[in-house]
Amino acid sequence: MIEVLYFAWLRERIGLPRERVETAAATVADLVAELSAREDRYALAFADLASVRVALDQELSSFDAPLAGVREVAFFPPMTGG
C-alpha cells in the first residue's frame, strides 16, 4: 500500500489531496499508467508528464525510479523560484 499525494492543479483535476493505493507497479511510470487507466480524471491529470514532478518519500525523483520500499509518492507541478 502506497500513500499518493497530489498538489496544485493535479489535486484539482483528480479531486483528491491524497489516497492510499494498492499497486503492483514496479516504477513510478507504471503507477502513473495504473492510475491513468482508472478514470478520465487521472488520465487528464497525467496527460503531460513533462509538466509533472514526482517525489518518493519526500525526495525528488524520476518516473523510471523503482517503487520497492517506497511509502509515499507525491505528484506536483514544477516549482518556480522568485
N, C-alpha and C. Protein backbone atom coordinates (compact mmCIF):
# COMPACT_ATOMS: atom_id res chain seq x y z
N MET A 1 0.85 -1.18 0.00
CA MET A 1 0.00 0.00 0.00
C MET A 1 0.90 1.24 0.00
N ILE A 2 0.63 2.15 -0.91
CA ILE A 2 1.41 3.38 -1.03
C ILE A 2 0.49 4.58 -0.84
N GLU A 3 0.98 5.57 -0.11
CA GLU A 3 0.26 6.83 0.06
C GLU A 3 0.62 7.71 -1.14
N VAL A 4 -0.38 8.14 -1.89
CA VAL A 4 -0.15 9.00 -3.06
C VAL A 4 -0.73 10.38 -2.77
N LEU A 5 0.12 11.41 -2.92
CA LEU A 5 -0.28 12.79 -2.65
C LEU A 5 -0.33 13.57 -3.96
N TYR A 6 -1.32 14.45 -4.08
CA TYR A 6 -1.47 15.29 -5.27
C TYR A 6 -1.48 16.74 -4.84
N PHE A 7 -0.73 17.59 -5.55
CA PHE A 7 -0.64 19.00 -5.21
C PHE A 7 -1.06 19.88 -6.38
N ALA A 8 -1.50 21.10 -6.04
CA ALA A 8 -1.84 22.16 -7.01
C ALA A 8 -2.88 21.67 -8.01
N TRP A 9 -2.66 21.90 -9.30
CA TRP A 9 -3.66 21.56 -10.31
C TRP A 9 -3.87 20.06 -10.45
N LEU A 10 -2.90 19.24 -10.04
CA LEU A 10 -3.13 17.78 -10.06
C LEU A 10 -4.24 17.42 -9.07
N ARG A 11 -4.19 18.04 -7.89
CA ARG A 11 -5.23 17.81 -6.88
C ARG A 11 -6.59 18.26 -7.42
N GLU A 12 -6.60 19.41 -8.09
CA GLU A 12 -7.87 19.93 -8.63
C GLU A 12 -8.44 19.00 -9.70
N ARG A 13 -7.60 18.51 -10.59
CA ARG A 13 -8.08 17.63 -11.67
C ARG A 13 -8.54 16.28 -11.15
N ILE A 14 -7.79 15.73 -10.19
CA ILE A 14 -8.13 14.41 -9.67
C ILE A 14 -9.24 14.50 -8.62
N GLY A 15 -9.27 15.61 -7.90
CA GLY A 15 -10.33 15.81 -6.91
C GLY A 15 -10.01 15.26 -5.54
N LEU A 16 -8.76 14.89 -5.31
CA LEU A 16 -8.33 14.35 -4.02
C LEU A 16 -6.97 14.94 -3.64
N PRO A 17 -6.75 15.21 -2.36
CA PRO A 17 -5.42 15.64 -1.95
C PRO A 17 -4.47 14.46 -1.74
N ARG A 18 -5.04 13.29 -1.42
CA ARG A 18 -4.24 12.09 -1.16
C ARG A 18 -5.12 10.86 -1.21
N GLU A 19 -4.49 9.72 -1.41
CA GLU A 19 -5.21 8.45 -1.32
C GLU A 19 -4.20 7.33 -1.09
N ARG A 20 -4.69 6.24 -0.54
CA ARG A 20 -3.85 5.04 -0.37
C ARG A 20 -4.14 4.12 -1.54
N VAL A 21 -3.07 3.67 -2.19
CA VAL A 21 -3.21 2.89 -3.41
C VAL A 21 -2.55 1.53 -3.24
N GLU A 22 -3.29 0.50 -3.55
CA GLU A 22 -2.74 -0.86 -3.62
C GLU A 22 -2.24 -1.03 -5.05
N THR A 23 -0.95 -1.29 -5.21
CA THR A 23 -0.39 -1.34 -6.55
C THR A 23 0.64 -2.45 -6.70
N ALA A 24 0.75 -2.95 -7.91
CA ALA A 24 1.80 -3.91 -8.27
C ALA A 24 2.85 -3.22 -9.13
N ALA A 25 2.74 -1.90 -9.25
CA ALA A 25 3.65 -1.13 -10.11
C ALA A 25 5.10 -1.27 -9.63
N ALA A 26 6.01 -1.45 -10.60
CA ALA A 26 7.43 -1.57 -10.27
C ALA A 26 8.11 -0.21 -10.25
N THR A 27 7.60 0.73 -11.06
CA THR A 27 8.21 2.06 -11.15
C THR A 27 7.13 3.13 -11.03
N VAL A 28 7.58 4.37 -10.92
CA VAL A 28 6.64 5.49 -10.88
C VAL A 28 5.83 5.53 -12.17
N ALA A 29 6.49 5.31 -13.30
CA ALA A 29 5.79 5.32 -14.59
C ALA A 29 4.69 4.26 -14.63
N ASP A 30 4.97 3.08 -14.06
CA ASP A 30 3.95 2.03 -14.00
C ASP A 30 2.77 2.46 -13.13
N LEU A 31 3.05 3.14 -12.03
CA LEU A 31 1.99 3.64 -11.16
C LEU A 31 1.14 4.67 -11.90
N VAL A 32 1.79 5.58 -12.62
CA VAL A 32 1.05 6.58 -13.40
C VAL A 32 0.16 5.90 -14.43
N ALA A 33 0.67 4.85 -15.09
CA ALA A 33 -0.13 4.11 -16.07
C ALA A 33 -1.35 3.46 -15.40
N GLU A 34 -1.15 2.87 -14.22
CA GLU A 34 -2.27 2.26 -13.48
C GLU A 34 -3.31 3.32 -13.11
N LEU A 35 -2.85 4.44 -12.57
CA LEU A 35 -3.78 5.49 -12.16
C LEU A 35 -4.52 6.06 -13.37
N SER A 36 -3.79 6.30 -14.46
CA SER A 36 -4.40 6.87 -15.67
C SER A 36 -5.46 5.96 -16.26
N ALA A 37 -5.30 4.66 -16.09
CA ALA A 37 -6.26 3.70 -16.63
C ALA A 37 -7.53 3.63 -15.77
N ARG A 38 -7.48 4.15 -14.55
CA ARG A 38 -8.63 4.10 -13.63
C ARG A 38 -9.82 4.89 -14.15
N GLU A 39 -9.58 6.18 -14.38
CA GLU A 39 -10.66 7.10 -14.74
C GLU A 39 -10.09 8.24 -15.58
N ASP A 40 -10.96 8.91 -16.29
CA ASP A 40 -10.54 10.03 -17.14
C ASP A 40 -9.86 11.14 -16.36
N ARG A 41 -10.30 11.38 -15.12
CA ARG A 41 -9.71 12.48 -14.35
C ARG A 41 -8.22 12.23 -14.09
N TYR A 42 -7.83 10.98 -13.88
CA TYR A 42 -6.41 10.66 -13.70
C TYR A 42 -5.67 10.79 -15.03
N ALA A 43 -6.27 10.28 -16.09
CA ALA A 43 -5.65 10.38 -17.41
C ALA A 43 -5.42 11.84 -17.78
N LEU A 44 -6.37 12.70 -17.47
CA LEU A 44 -6.23 14.13 -17.75
C LEU A 44 -5.10 14.74 -16.92
N ALA A 45 -5.04 14.40 -15.66
CA ALA A 45 -4.01 14.95 -14.77
C ALA A 45 -2.61 14.55 -15.22
N PHE A 46 -2.47 13.32 -15.73
CA PHE A 46 -1.15 12.81 -16.11
C PHE A 46 -0.91 12.85 -17.62
N ALA A 47 -1.72 13.60 -18.35
CA ALA A 47 -1.62 13.63 -19.82
C ALA A 47 -0.28 14.19 -20.29
N ASP A 48 0.27 15.15 -19.56
CA ASP A 48 1.53 15.78 -19.97
C ASP A 48 2.55 15.63 -18.84
N LEU A 49 3.29 14.53 -18.86
CA LEU A 49 4.22 14.26 -17.76
C LEU A 49 5.39 15.24 -17.73
N ALA A 50 5.61 15.97 -18.81
CA ALA A 50 6.67 16.98 -18.80
C ALA A 50 6.33 18.10 -17.82
N SER A 51 5.05 18.23 -17.46
CA SER A 51 4.64 19.27 -16.53
C SER A 51 4.33 18.72 -15.14
N VAL A 52 4.84 17.52 -14.85
CA VAL A 52 4.61 16.89 -13.55
C VAL A 52 5.96 16.46 -12.96
N ARG A 53 6.13 16.72 -11.68
CA ARG A 53 7.32 16.25 -10.96
C ARG A 53 6.86 15.23 -9.93
N VAL A 54 7.80 14.40 -9.49
CA VAL A 54 7.46 13.36 -8.53
C VAL A 54 8.52 13.31 -7.43
N ALA A 55 8.06 13.04 -6.21
CA ALA A 55 8.96 12.82 -5.08
C ALA A 55 8.59 11.49 -4.44
N LEU A 56 9.61 10.72 -4.11
CA LEU A 56 9.41 9.45 -3.41
C LEU A 56 9.93 9.61 -1.99
N ASP A 57 9.05 9.41 -1.02
CA ASP A 57 9.40 9.61 0.39
C ASP A 57 10.09 10.96 0.58
N GLN A 58 9.53 11.99 -0.04
CA GLN A 58 9.94 13.39 0.07
C GLN A 58 11.30 13.69 -0.56
N GLU A 59 11.75 12.84 -1.49
CA GLU A 59 12.98 13.09 -2.25
C GLU A 59 12.62 13.18 -3.71
N LEU A 60 13.01 14.28 -4.37
CA LEU A 60 12.74 14.45 -5.79
C LEU A 60 13.28 13.25 -6.55
N SER A 61 12.48 12.73 -7.46
CA SER A 61 12.84 11.51 -8.16
C SER A 61 12.44 11.59 -9.62
N SER A 62 12.52 10.45 -10.31
CA SER A 62 12.16 10.40 -11.73
C SER A 62 11.09 9.35 -11.95
N PHE A 63 10.50 9.38 -13.13
CA PHE A 63 9.40 8.45 -13.42
C PHE A 63 9.89 7.01 -13.64
N ASP A 64 11.18 6.82 -13.86
CA ASP A 64 11.69 5.46 -14.01
C ASP A 64 12.23 4.89 -12.70
N ALA A 65 12.06 5.63 -11.60
CA ALA A 65 12.52 5.18 -10.29
C ALA A 65 11.69 4.00 -9.80
N PRO A 66 12.34 3.02 -9.16
CA PRO A 66 11.61 1.88 -8.62
C PRO A 66 10.79 2.26 -7.39
N LEU A 67 9.68 1.56 -7.18
CA LEU A 67 8.80 1.82 -6.04
C LEU A 67 9.04 0.88 -4.87
N ALA A 68 9.94 -0.07 -5.01
CA ALA A 68 10.20 -1.04 -3.94
C ALA A 68 10.58 -0.31 -2.66
N GLY A 69 9.85 -0.56 -1.59
CA GLY A 69 10.13 0.04 -0.29
C GLY A 69 9.63 1.45 -0.10
N VAL A 70 9.05 2.04 -1.13
CA VAL A 70 8.56 3.42 -1.05
C VAL A 70 7.23 3.45 -0.31
N ARG A 71 7.09 4.41 0.60
CA ARG A 71 5.83 4.55 1.36
C ARG A 71 4.96 5.67 0.83
N GLU A 72 5.61 6.71 0.24
CA GLU A 72 4.84 7.89 -0.19
C GLU A 72 5.33 8.37 -1.55
N VAL A 73 4.36 8.62 -2.43
CA VAL A 73 4.64 9.19 -3.75
C VAL A 73 3.86 10.50 -3.84
N ALA A 74 4.55 11.59 -4.18
CA ALA A 74 3.90 12.89 -4.31
C ALA A 74 4.05 13.39 -5.74
N PHE A 75 2.94 13.84 -6.32
CA PHE A 75 2.95 14.41 -7.66
C PHE A 75 2.63 15.89 -7.55
N PHE A 76 3.40 16.73 -8.26
CA PHE A 76 3.21 18.17 -8.18
C PHE A 76 3.78 18.83 -9.44
N PRO A 77 3.33 20.06 -9.72
CA PRO A 77 3.87 20.78 -10.88
C PRO A 77 5.28 21.28 -10.59
N PRO A 78 6.05 21.59 -11.62
CA PRO A 78 7.38 22.16 -11.40
C PRO A 78 7.29 23.44 -10.58
N MET A 79 8.24 23.64 -9.71
CA MET A 79 8.27 24.84 -8.87
C MET A 79 9.05 25.93 -9.59
N THR A 80 8.62 27.15 -9.41
CA THR A 80 9.36 28.27 -9.97
C THR A 80 9.90 29.11 -8.82
N GLY A 81 11.09 29.60 -8.99
CA GLY A 81 11.71 30.42 -7.93
C GLY A 81 11.25 31.87 -8.06
N GLY A 82 11.55 32.66 -7.06
CA GLY A 82 11.14 34.05 -7.13
C GLY A 82 11.75 34.88 -6.05
